[in-house]
Amino acid sequence: MPADTMTEMILGFSVIMGVLVVYILTLAARIRRAQAKDEFSSENQSES
């Protein structure tokens, strides 16, 4: 009879998915921050 490892599989899958979600959220925040910084610097260059 094989061992019942369903709970470990679900736990591992949850950890992997959690890490992916955190990574995607931080990536979106970094992109948004970079776009705002780029917009700010292009506004400053057009005034000069």
N, C-alpha and C. Protein backbone atom coordinates (compact mmCIF):
# COMPACT_ATOMS: atom_id res chain seq x y z
N MET A 1 0.85 -1.19 0.00
CA MET A 1 0.00 0.00 0.00
C MET A 1 0.89 1.25 0.00
N PRO A 2 0.70 2.13 -0.97
CA PRO A 2 1.53 3.34 -1.04
C PRO A 2 1.20 4.32 0.08
N ALA A 3 2.17 5.14 0.41
CA ALA A 3 1.97 6.14 1.47
C ALA A 3 1.04 7.25 0.97
N ASP A 4 0.26 7.77 1.90
CA ASP A 4 -0.67 8.86 1.56
C ASP A 4 0.06 10.19 1.75
N THR A 5 0.44 10.82 0.65
CA THR A 5 1.19 12.08 0.72
C THR A 5 0.42 13.23 0.09
N MET A 6 -0.88 13.12 0.04
CA MET A 6 -1.70 14.15 -0.58
C MET A 6 -1.57 15.49 0.16
N THR A 7 -1.54 15.48 1.48
CA THR A 7 -1.45 16.74 2.23
C THR A 7 -0.10 17.42 1.97
N GLU A 8 0.98 16.65 1.89
CA GLU A 8 2.29 17.24 1.61
C GLU A 8 2.33 17.83 0.20
N MET A 9 1.69 17.15 -0.74
CA MET A 9 1.65 17.66 -2.10
C MET A 9 0.88 18.98 -2.15
N ILE A 10 -0.25 19.05 -1.49
CA ILE A 10 -1.05 20.27 -1.47
C ILE A 10 -0.29 21.39 -0.78
N LEU A 11 0.39 21.08 0.31
CA LEU A 11 1.18 22.08 1.03
C LEU A 11 2.32 22.61 0.14
N GLY A 12 3.02 21.73 -0.51
CA GLY A 12 4.11 22.15 -1.40
C GLY A 12 3.61 22.98 -2.55
N PHE A 13 2.50 22.59 -3.14
CA PHE A 13 1.90 23.34 -4.24
C PHE A 13 1.48 24.72 -3.76
N SER A 14 0.93 24.81 -2.56
CA SER A 14 0.51 26.09 -2.00
C SER A 14 1.71 27.01 -1.78
N VAL A 15 2.81 26.46 -1.30
CA VAL A 15 4.01 27.26 -1.08
C VAL A 15 4.54 27.79 -2.41
N ILE A 16 4.61 26.93 -3.41
CA ILE A 16 5.10 27.34 -4.72
C ILE A 16 4.20 28.42 -5.31
N MET A 17 2.91 28.24 -5.25
CA MET A 17 1.99 29.23 -5.79
C MET A 17 2.07 30.54 -5.01
N GLY A 18 2.25 30.47 -3.70
CA GLY A 18 2.40 31.68 -2.89
C GLY A 18 3.63 32.46 -3.28
N VAL A 19 4.75 31.77 -3.50
CA VAL A 19 5.98 32.43 -3.91
C VAL A 19 5.79 33.09 -5.28
N LEU A 20 5.13 32.40 -6.19
CA LEU A 20 4.87 32.98 -7.52
C LEU A 20 4.00 34.22 -7.44
N VAL A 21 2.98 34.20 -6.60
CA VAL A 21 2.10 35.36 -6.46
C VAL A 21 2.87 36.55 -5.89
N VAL A 22 3.68 36.30 -4.87
CA VAL A 22 4.48 37.38 -4.29
C VAL A 22 5.44 37.94 -5.33
N TYR A 23 6.07 37.08 -6.11
CA TYR A 23 7.00 37.53 -7.14
C TYR A 23 6.28 38.39 -8.18
N ILE A 24 5.10 37.98 -8.62
CA ILE A 24 4.35 38.73 -9.62
C ILE A 24 3.93 40.09 -9.06
N LEU A 25 3.51 40.13 -7.80
CA LEU A 25 3.12 41.40 -7.20
C LEU A 25 4.30 42.36 -7.09
N THR A 26 5.46 41.85 -6.67
CA THR A 26 6.63 42.73 -6.56
C THR A 26 7.10 43.17 -7.96
N LEU A 27 6.98 42.29 -8.93
CA LEU A 27 7.35 42.65 -10.30
C LEU A 27 6.45 43.77 -10.82
N ALA A 28 5.16 43.67 -10.57
CA ALA A 28 4.22 44.71 -11.00
C ALA A 28 4.53 46.03 -10.30
N ALA A 29 4.85 45.98 -9.02
CA ALA A 29 5.18 47.20 -8.29
C ALA A 29 6.46 47.83 -8.83
N ARG A 30 7.46 47.01 -9.14
CA ARG A 30 8.71 47.55 -9.68
C ARG A 30 8.50 48.17 -11.06
N ILE A 31 7.68 47.55 -11.90
CA ILE A 31 7.40 48.10 -13.23
C ILE A 31 6.67 49.44 -13.09
N ARG A 32 5.69 49.50 -12.21
CA ARG A 32 4.94 50.74 -12.01
C ARG A 32 5.86 51.85 -11.51
N ARG A 33 6.75 51.51 -10.57
CA ARG A 33 7.69 52.50 -10.04
C ARG A 33 8.65 52.98 -11.12
N ALA A 34 9.12 52.06 -11.96
CA ALA A 34 10.04 52.43 -13.03
C ALA A 34 9.35 53.32 -14.06
N GLN A 35 8.10 53.03 -14.38
CA GLN A 35 7.37 53.86 -15.33
C GLN A 35 7.15 55.26 -14.78
N ALA A 36 6.85 55.37 -13.49
CA ALA A 36 6.65 56.69 -12.88
C ALA A 36 7.97 57.46 -12.87
N LYS A 37 9.06 56.78 -12.59
CA LYS A 37 10.36 57.43 -12.57
C LYS A 37 10.74 57.90 -13.98
N ASP A 38 10.46 57.09 -14.99
CA ASP A 38 10.74 57.45 -16.37
C ASP A 38 9.91 58.66 -16.80
N GLU A 39 8.64 58.66 -16.42
CA GLU A 39 7.76 59.77 -16.75
C GLU A 39 8.25 61.05 -16.08
N PHE A 40 8.66 60.95 -14.83
CA PHE A 40 9.15 62.11 -14.09
C PHE A 40 10.42 62.66 -14.74
N SER A 41 11.34 61.79 -15.13
CA SER A 41 12.59 62.27 -15.72
C SER A 41 12.37 62.84 -17.11
N SER A 42 11.43 62.31 -17.87
CA SER A 42 11.16 62.87 -19.20
C SER A 42 10.48 64.24 -19.08
N GLU A 43 9.67 64.46 -18.03
CA GLU A 43 9.07 65.77 -17.80
C GLU A 43 10.15 66.79 -17.45
N ASN A 44 11.11 66.38 -16.65
CA ASN A 44 12.19 67.30 -16.26
C ASN A 44 13.06 67.66 -17.45
N GLN A 45 13.30 66.74 -18.36
CA GLN A 45 14.13 67.03 -19.52
C GLN A 45 13.44 67.97 -20.50
N SER A 46 12.14 67.87 -20.60
CA SER A 46 11.42 68.75 -21.53
C SER A 46 11.36 70.18 -21.01
N GLU A 47 11.44 70.39 -19.69
CA GLU A 47 11.44 71.72 -19.11
C GLU A 47 12.79 72.40 -19.29
N SER A 48 13.86 71.65 -19.36
CA SER A 48 15.21 72.23 -19.44
C SER A 48 15.51 72.81 -20.80
